[in-house]
N, C-alpha and C. Protein backbone atom coordinates (compact mmCIF):
# COMPACT_ATOMS: atom_id res chain seq x y z
N MET A 1 -21.06 -14.55 12.16
CA MET A 1 -22.19 -13.74 11.71
C MET A 1 -22.70 -12.90 12.89
N SER A 2 -22.93 -11.64 12.61
CA SER A 2 -23.38 -10.70 13.63
C SER A 2 -24.90 -10.56 13.57
N ASN A 3 -25.47 -9.97 14.62
CA ASN A 3 -26.92 -9.75 14.63
C ASN A 3 -27.34 -8.65 13.65
N ILE A 4 -26.38 -7.96 13.03
CA ILE A 4 -26.73 -6.92 12.06
C ILE A 4 -26.70 -7.43 10.62
N ASP A 5 -26.12 -8.60 10.39
CA ASP A 5 -25.99 -9.12 9.03
C ASP A 5 -27.34 -9.41 8.41
N GLY A 6 -27.47 -9.09 7.12
CA GLY A 6 -28.68 -9.41 6.40
C GLY A 6 -29.15 -8.28 5.52
N THR A 7 -30.33 -8.46 4.98
CA THR A 7 -30.98 -7.46 4.13
C THR A 7 -32.11 -6.83 4.90
N TRP A 8 -32.17 -5.50 4.86
CA TRP A 8 -33.11 -4.72 5.65
C TRP A 8 -33.96 -3.85 4.74
N ASP A 9 -35.24 -3.74 5.05
CA ASP A 9 -36.11 -2.74 4.43
C ASP A 9 -36.01 -1.51 5.30
N CYS A 10 -35.64 -0.40 4.70
CA CYS A 10 -35.29 0.80 5.44
C CYS A 10 -36.07 2.00 4.92
N ILE A 11 -36.49 2.86 5.82
CA ILE A 11 -37.13 4.13 5.46
C ILE A 11 -36.28 5.27 6.01
N VAL A 12 -35.92 6.19 5.12
CA VAL A 12 -35.20 7.40 5.52
C VAL A 12 -36.17 8.57 5.38
N VAL A 13 -36.34 9.33 6.45
CA VAL A 13 -37.21 10.50 6.40
C VAL A 13 -36.34 11.69 5.99
N ALA A 14 -36.27 11.90 4.67
CA ALA A 14 -35.43 12.95 4.09
C ALA A 14 -36.23 14.24 3.92
N PRO A 15 -35.55 15.34 3.62
CA PRO A 15 -36.27 16.60 3.39
C PRO A 15 -37.32 16.50 2.28
N VAL A 16 -37.13 15.56 1.35
CA VAL A 16 -38.08 15.39 0.24
C VAL A 16 -39.21 14.41 0.58
N GLY A 17 -39.20 13.87 1.81
CA GLY A 17 -40.23 12.92 2.22
C GLY A 17 -39.62 11.58 2.58
N LYS A 18 -40.47 10.58 2.80
CA LYS A 18 -40.02 9.25 3.17
C LYS A 18 -39.47 8.53 1.93
N GLU A 19 -38.24 8.06 2.05
CA GLU A 19 -37.55 7.38 0.95
C GLU A 19 -37.32 5.92 1.33
N PRO A 20 -37.86 4.96 0.54
CA PRO A 20 -37.63 3.55 0.82
C PRO A 20 -36.26 3.10 0.28
N HIS A 21 -35.56 2.31 1.05
CA HIS A 21 -34.25 1.80 0.68
C HIS A 21 -34.15 0.32 1.02
N GLU A 22 -33.25 -0.35 0.32
CA GLU A 22 -32.83 -1.70 0.68
C GLU A 22 -31.41 -1.56 1.21
N LEU A 23 -31.18 -2.04 2.42
CA LEU A 23 -29.89 -1.95 3.07
C LEU A 23 -29.35 -3.37 3.26
N VAL A 24 -28.16 -3.63 2.73
CA VAL A 24 -27.52 -4.93 2.87
C VAL A 24 -26.28 -4.74 3.73
N LEU A 25 -26.23 -5.46 4.86
CA LEU A 25 -25.14 -5.32 5.82
C LEU A 25 -24.42 -6.65 6.02
N ALA A 26 -23.08 -6.59 6.06
CA ALA A 26 -22.27 -7.77 6.36
C ALA A 26 -21.12 -7.35 7.27
N SER A 27 -21.02 -7.97 8.43
CA SER A 27 -19.97 -7.63 9.39
C SER A 27 -18.80 -8.57 9.24
N GLY A 28 -17.61 -8.05 9.58
CA GLY A 28 -16.41 -8.88 9.60
C GLY A 28 -16.04 -9.23 11.01
N PRO A 29 -15.18 -10.23 11.20
CA PRO A 29 -14.80 -10.65 12.56
C PRO A 29 -14.01 -9.58 13.31
N ASP A 30 -13.49 -8.59 12.59
CA ASP A 30 -12.70 -7.52 13.21
C ASP A 30 -13.53 -6.29 13.54
N GLY A 31 -14.87 -6.39 13.44
CA GLY A 31 -15.74 -5.26 13.71
C GLY A 31 -15.96 -4.36 12.50
N SER A 32 -15.49 -4.80 11.34
CA SER A 32 -15.71 -4.02 10.12
C SER A 32 -17.11 -4.27 9.57
N LEU A 33 -17.51 -3.41 8.65
CA LEU A 33 -18.84 -3.52 8.05
C LEU A 33 -18.73 -3.20 6.57
N THR A 34 -19.36 -4.01 5.74
CA THR A 34 -19.48 -3.73 4.31
C THR A 34 -20.94 -3.83 3.94
N GLY A 35 -21.28 -3.31 2.77
CA GLY A 35 -22.65 -3.43 2.29
C GLY A 35 -23.00 -2.34 1.30
N THR A 36 -24.29 -2.27 1.02
CA THR A 36 -24.82 -1.28 0.09
C THR A 36 -26.16 -0.78 0.59
N MET A 37 -26.50 0.42 0.14
CA MET A 37 -27.82 0.98 0.40
C MET A 37 -28.38 1.44 -0.93
N THR A 38 -29.54 0.88 -1.30
CA THR A 38 -30.15 1.17 -2.60
C THR A 38 -31.43 1.93 -2.40
N ASN A 39 -31.53 3.10 -3.05
CA ASN A 39 -32.77 3.88 -3.03
C ASN A 39 -33.75 3.19 -3.97
N LEU A 40 -34.88 2.74 -3.45
CA LEU A 40 -35.84 1.98 -4.25
C LEU A 40 -36.67 2.86 -5.18
N LYS A 41 -36.63 4.19 -5.00
CA LYS A 41 -37.34 5.09 -5.91
C LYS A 41 -36.54 5.36 -7.17
N ASN A 42 -35.23 5.58 -7.01
CA ASN A 42 -34.44 5.96 -8.18
C ASN A 42 -33.38 4.94 -8.56
N GLY A 43 -33.23 3.87 -7.80
CA GLY A 43 -32.30 2.79 -8.14
C GLY A 43 -30.84 3.09 -7.85
N ILE A 44 -30.53 4.23 -7.24
CA ILE A 44 -29.14 4.56 -6.94
C ILE A 44 -28.62 3.66 -5.83
N VAL A 45 -27.46 3.03 -6.10
CA VAL A 45 -26.81 2.14 -5.13
C VAL A 45 -25.61 2.87 -4.55
N MET A 46 -25.55 2.93 -3.24
CA MET A 46 -24.43 3.58 -2.55
C MET A 46 -23.68 2.54 -1.72
N PRO A 47 -22.40 2.31 -2.01
CA PRO A 47 -21.61 1.41 -1.17
C PRO A 47 -21.37 2.04 0.20
N LEU A 48 -21.31 1.21 1.22
CA LEU A 48 -21.00 1.68 2.57
C LEU A 48 -19.49 1.77 2.71
N ASN A 49 -19.01 2.86 3.29
CA ASN A 49 -17.58 3.08 3.51
C ASN A 49 -17.32 3.26 5.00
N ASN A 50 -16.10 2.92 5.43
CA ASN A 50 -15.67 3.15 6.81
C ASN A 50 -16.62 2.51 7.83
N GLY A 51 -17.19 1.36 7.47
CA GLY A 51 -18.17 0.72 8.35
C GLY A 51 -17.56 0.09 9.59
N LYS A 52 -18.26 0.28 10.71
CA LYS A 52 -17.81 -0.29 11.98
C LYS A 52 -19.01 -0.84 12.75
N VAL A 53 -18.79 -1.97 13.39
CA VAL A 53 -19.80 -2.59 14.25
C VAL A 53 -19.26 -2.62 15.67
N ASP A 54 -20.06 -2.11 16.61
CA ASP A 54 -19.70 -2.14 18.02
C ASP A 54 -20.91 -2.65 18.78
N GLY A 55 -21.00 -3.97 18.92
CA GLY A 55 -22.19 -4.58 19.53
C GLY A 55 -23.40 -4.36 18.65
N ASP A 56 -24.42 -3.68 19.19
CA ASP A 56 -25.63 -3.39 18.43
C ASP A 56 -25.57 -2.05 17.70
N LYS A 57 -24.48 -1.32 17.89
CA LYS A 57 -24.33 0.00 17.25
C LYS A 57 -23.49 -0.13 16.00
N VAL A 58 -23.95 0.51 14.93
CA VAL A 58 -23.30 0.40 13.63
C VAL A 58 -23.14 1.80 13.05
N THR A 59 -21.97 2.08 12.47
CA THR A 59 -21.73 3.37 11.82
C THR A 59 -21.09 3.15 10.46
N TRP A 60 -21.34 4.08 9.54
CA TRP A 60 -20.68 4.07 8.24
C TRP A 60 -20.86 5.43 7.58
N THR A 61 -20.12 5.63 6.49
CA THR A 61 -20.32 6.80 5.64
C THR A 61 -20.70 6.31 4.27
N MET A 62 -21.32 7.19 3.49
CA MET A 62 -21.61 6.87 2.09
C MET A 62 -21.69 8.15 1.30
N GLN A 63 -21.38 8.02 0.01
CA GLN A 63 -21.35 9.17 -0.88
C GLN A 63 -22.69 9.33 -1.59
N LEU A 64 -23.39 10.40 -1.27
CA LEU A 64 -24.61 10.75 -1.97
C LEU A 64 -24.19 11.41 -3.29
N VAL A 65 -24.83 11.03 -4.39
CA VAL A 65 -24.48 11.62 -5.69
C VAL A 65 -25.61 12.45 -6.28
N LYS A 66 -26.85 12.20 -5.85
CA LYS A 66 -27.99 12.98 -6.32
C LYS A 66 -28.83 13.38 -5.12
N PRO A 67 -29.36 14.54 -5.05
CA PRO A 67 -29.37 15.60 -6.05
C PRO A 67 -28.06 16.37 -6.11
N PHE A 68 -27.12 16.11 -5.17
CA PHE A 68 -25.80 16.74 -5.19
C PHE A 68 -24.83 15.82 -4.45
N LYS A 69 -23.54 16.06 -4.62
CA LYS A 69 -22.54 15.21 -3.99
C LYS A 69 -22.26 15.66 -2.57
N LEU A 70 -22.30 14.71 -1.65
CA LEU A 70 -21.87 14.96 -0.29
C LEU A 70 -21.72 13.64 0.44
N THR A 71 -20.98 13.67 1.54
CA THR A 71 -20.76 12.47 2.34
C THR A 71 -21.75 12.46 3.50
N LEU A 72 -22.47 11.35 3.62
CA LEU A 72 -23.42 11.17 4.71
C LEU A 72 -22.78 10.32 5.81
N ASN A 73 -23.00 10.70 7.05
CA ASN A 73 -22.58 9.92 8.20
C ASN A 73 -23.81 9.24 8.77
N VAL A 74 -23.73 7.92 8.94
CA VAL A 74 -24.89 7.14 9.37
C VAL A 74 -24.58 6.41 10.67
N GLU A 75 -25.55 6.42 11.59
CA GLU A 75 -25.47 5.67 12.85
C GLU A 75 -26.81 4.98 13.06
N ILE A 76 -26.76 3.68 13.34
CA ILE A 76 -27.99 2.96 13.67
C ILE A 76 -27.73 2.07 14.89
N GLU A 77 -28.82 1.68 15.54
CA GLU A 77 -28.74 0.71 16.62
C GLU A 77 -29.77 -0.38 16.35
N VAL A 78 -29.28 -1.61 16.35
CA VAL A 78 -30.10 -2.77 16.03
C VAL A 78 -30.65 -3.38 17.30
N THR A 79 -31.96 -3.66 17.29
CA THR A 79 -32.63 -4.37 18.37
C THR A 79 -33.43 -5.49 17.74
N GLY A 80 -32.90 -6.72 17.84
CA GLY A 80 -33.58 -7.85 17.21
C GLY A 80 -33.63 -7.70 15.70
N ASP A 81 -34.84 -7.67 15.15
CA ASP A 81 -35.02 -7.55 13.71
C ASP A 81 -35.44 -6.15 13.29
N GLU A 82 -35.11 -5.15 14.12
CA GLU A 82 -35.43 -3.77 13.79
C GLU A 82 -34.24 -2.88 14.12
N PHE A 83 -34.17 -1.72 13.46
CA PHE A 83 -33.17 -0.74 13.85
C PHE A 83 -33.75 0.66 13.77
N THR A 84 -33.13 1.56 14.51
CA THR A 84 -33.43 2.98 14.43
C THR A 84 -32.11 3.71 14.37
N GLY A 85 -32.14 4.90 13.82
CA GLY A 85 -30.93 5.69 13.73
C GLY A 85 -31.14 6.93 12.90
N HIS A 86 -30.03 7.42 12.34
CA HIS A 86 -30.10 8.62 11.52
C HIS A 86 -28.89 8.69 10.59
N GLY A 87 -29.05 9.46 9.54
CA GLY A 87 -27.96 9.74 8.62
C GLY A 87 -28.01 11.21 8.26
N GLY A 88 -26.87 11.78 7.96
CA GLY A 88 -26.89 13.18 7.58
C GLY A 88 -25.52 13.81 7.63
N THR A 89 -25.53 15.14 7.65
CA THR A 89 -24.31 15.94 7.71
C THR A 89 -24.52 17.08 8.69
N ALA A 90 -23.43 17.72 9.07
CA ALA A 90 -23.55 18.88 9.95
C ALA A 90 -24.32 19.99 9.26
N LEU A 91 -24.13 20.13 7.96
CA LEU A 91 -24.79 21.19 7.19
C LEU A 91 -26.29 20.96 7.04
N LEU A 92 -26.69 19.72 6.73
CA LEU A 92 -28.10 19.43 6.45
C LEU A 92 -28.88 18.90 7.64
N GLY A 93 -28.19 18.55 8.71
CA GLY A 93 -28.87 17.96 9.85
C GLY A 93 -29.01 16.46 9.70
N LYS A 94 -29.76 15.85 10.60
CA LYS A 94 -29.90 14.40 10.65
C LYS A 94 -31.28 13.98 10.15
N ALA A 95 -31.30 12.97 9.28
CA ALA A 95 -32.55 12.38 8.78
C ALA A 95 -32.79 11.07 9.52
N PRO A 96 -33.93 10.92 10.20
CA PRO A 96 -34.23 9.68 10.90
C PRO A 96 -34.32 8.49 9.94
N MET A 97 -33.89 7.33 10.43
CA MET A 97 -33.96 6.09 9.67
C MET A 97 -34.54 5.00 10.55
N THR A 98 -35.35 4.14 9.96
CA THR A 98 -35.83 2.94 10.64
C THR A 98 -35.71 1.77 9.67
N GLY A 99 -35.63 0.56 10.20
CA GLY A 99 -35.52 -0.58 9.33
C GLY A 99 -36.02 -1.85 9.98
N THR A 100 -36.39 -2.79 9.10
CA THR A 100 -36.85 -4.11 9.52
C THR A 100 -36.13 -5.15 8.68
N ARG A 101 -35.59 -6.17 9.35
CA ARG A 101 -34.86 -7.23 8.64
C ARG A 101 -35.83 -8.05 7.79
N ARG A 102 -35.41 -8.34 6.58
CA ARG A 102 -36.19 -9.24 5.72
C ARG A 102 -35.98 -10.67 6.20
N THR A 103 -37.05 -11.43 6.18
CA THR A 103 -36.95 -12.84 6.60
C THR A 103 -37.11 -13.76 5.43
């Protein structure tokens, strides 16, 4: 079990405002990462793809389907029971993300 495993309450500061999400992360012994990110406003669940764990740094991609389809690149860094990072694309820029592990 890695220090990133668990369920996180996450806020993404998107162009439309602050969006609450539930982020579920599970690391593999080979540095892989699986999980889901659920938008708590609209219920959309996005599986994490291409997930990698490198110490406290975590990266993945996910397919946004609303309001339009595009691939988001996400990077976070975990410190204890909190993380900071960003997700986005070259076209749209980076949206800041923060999270707190649920206990």
